[in-house]
Protein backbone atom coordinates (compact mmCIF):
# COMPACT_ATOMS: atom_id res chain seq x y z
CA UNK A 1 0.00 0.00 0.00
CA UNK A 2 1.36 3.38 -1.01
CA UNK A 3 1.23 6.14 1.56
CA UNK A 4 2.45 9.72 1.52
CA UNK A 5 2.38 11.56 4.83
CA UNK A 6 3.13 15.26 5.05
CA UNK A 7 4.34 17.09 8.16
CA UNK A 8 5.98 20.37 9.10
CA UNK A 9 3.22 22.81 8.33
CA UNK A 10 1.84 25.42 10.67
CA UNK A 11 1.65 29.14 11.29
CA UNK A 12 4.59 31.39 10.49
CA UNK A 13 5.07 35.12 10.11
CA UNK A 14 5.85 36.65 6.75
CA UNK A 15 9.55 36.37 6.03
CA UNK A 16 9.86 33.18 8.04
CA UNK A 17 10.70 29.64 6.99
CA UNK A 18 9.18 26.20 7.18
CA UNK A 19 10.32 22.80 6.00
CA UNK A 20 7.69 20.34 4.88
CA UNK A 21 8.44 16.65 4.93
CA UNK A 22 6.73 13.85 3.03
CA UNK A 23 7.46 10.37 4.30
CA UNK A 24 6.67 7.84 1.61
CA UNK A 25 5.99 4.13 1.96
CA UNK A 26 5.22 1.49 -0.62
CA UNK A 27 7.30 3.04 -3.39
CA UNK A 28 10.82 4.41 -3.72
CA UNK A 29 11.13 8.18 -4.05
CA UNK A 30 14.38 7.81 -5.99
CA UNK A 31 12.58 6.14 -8.87
CA UNK A 32 9.65 8.55 -9.09
CA UNK A 33 8.89 12.11 -10.00
CA UNK A 34 7.95 13.65 -6.67
CA UNK A 35 6.05 16.90 -6.45
CA UNK A 36 4.59 19.39 -4.05
CA UNK A 37 1.30 21.01 -4.94
CA UNK A 38 -0.73 23.56 -3.05
CA UNK A 39 -4.33 24.58 -3.05
CA UNK A 40 -6.24 27.56 -1.75
CA UNK A 41 -10.01 27.10 -1.28
CA UNK A 42 -11.96 27.84 -4.48
CA UNK A 43 -8.76 28.05 -6.50
CA UNK A 44 -7.06 25.52 -8.73
CA UNK A 45 -4.38 23.33 -7.33
CA UNK A 46 -0.97 24.41 -8.52
CA UNK A 47 2.35 22.65 -8.78
CA UNK A 48 4.93 24.30 -6.56
CA UNK A 49 7.99 22.15 -7.07
CA UNK A 50 8.96 18.79 -8.49
CA UNK A 51 12.00 16.57 -8.78
CA UNK A 52 12.33 13.78 -11.31
CA UNK A 53 13.94 10.41 -10.72
CA UNK A 54 17.04 11.76 -12.47
CA UNK A 55 17.24 14.81 -10.23
CA UNK A 56 15.83 17.49 -12.51
CA UNK A 57 13.95 20.10 -10.55
CA UNK A 58 11.17 22.42 -11.58
CA UNK A 59 9.57 25.29 -9.68
CA UNK A 60 6.62 27.57 -10.11
CA UNK A 61 7.83 31.04 -11.05
CA UNK A 62 6.54 32.70 -7.91
CA UNK A 63 8.46 30.37 -5.57
CA UNK A 64 11.76 30.20 -7.43
CA UNK A 65 14.65 31.39 -5.26
CA UNK A 66 12.52 30.89 -2.12
CA UNK A 67 11.56 27.20 -2.16
CA UNK A 68 13.80 24.18 -2.55
CA UNK A 69 12.70 20.61 -3.14
CA UNK A 70 14.95 17.76 -2.09
CA UNK A 71 14.78 14.07 -1.32
CA UNK A 72 16.52 11.64 0.97
CA UNK A 73 16.45 8.21 -0.64
CA UNK A 74 17.66 6.50 2.52
CA UNK A 75 14.75 7.93 4.50
CA UNK A 76 12.41 7.67 1.49
CA UNK A 77 11.36 11.24 2.23
CA UNK A 78 10.84 14.34 0.14
CA UNK A 79 11.25 17.83 1.55
CA UNK A 80 10.16 21.32 0.65
CA UNK A 81 12.22 24.06 2.25
CA UNK A 82 10.27 27.29 2.14
CA UNK A 83 12.06 30.54 2.90
CA UNK A 84 10.94 34.16 2.89
CA UNK A 85 7.33 33.05 3.14
CA UNK A 86 4.62 35.45 2.05
CA UNK A 87 0.94 35.60 3.02
CA UNK A 88 0.06 34.46 -0.50
CA UNK A 89 1.88 31.19 0.20
CA UNK A 90 -0.92 30.29 2.60
CA UNK A 91 -2.45 27.04 1.33
CA UNK A 92 -2.81 23.34 1.90
CA UNK A 93 0.32 21.66 0.59
CA UNK A 94 0.21 18.18 -0.88
CA UNK A 95 2.93 15.68 -1.60
CA UNK A 96 2.31 13.92 -4.89
CA UNK A 97 3.59 11.19 -7.14
CA UNK A 98 1.20 10.05 -9.81
CA UNK A 99 -1.38 8.72 -9.09
CA UNK A 100 -0.87 9.05 -5.34
CA UNK A 101 -1.24 12.04 -3.05
CA UNK A 102 -0.96 12.73 0.63
CA UNK A 103 -3.75 14.17 2.75
CA UNK A 104 -2.17 17.59 2.72
CA UNK A 105 -0.91 19.93 5.39
CA UNK A 106 -1.87 23.51 6.11
CA UNK A 107 0.65 26.33 5.88
CA UNK A 108 -0.52 29.71 7.13
CA UNK A 109 1.62 32.81 6.68
CA UNK A 110 0.58 35.86 8.67
CA UNK A 111 1.38 39.39 7.58
């Protein structure tokens, strides 16, 4: 059974940092494209960052230079380091590898 479990969210002030973790079981993160998505109520889900099995990374334009995706194959975990957070980063963040997705975790950035 494949499971993706996010952690590390919470409330942070603008300019602060958070690191999200996604512990994966049932599949190997090193052989998958792993992504972080986020969703604000009544808005479309958007891809924030992704890393392919070969290590290629992709970021949404508005998080480039602030967010970093990484993975630890030994821990089978994917991370999203988020720096210089802005109120518009407030959303539920999901860990994703097709066709699986975690339950999501809330990140709230106060101004």
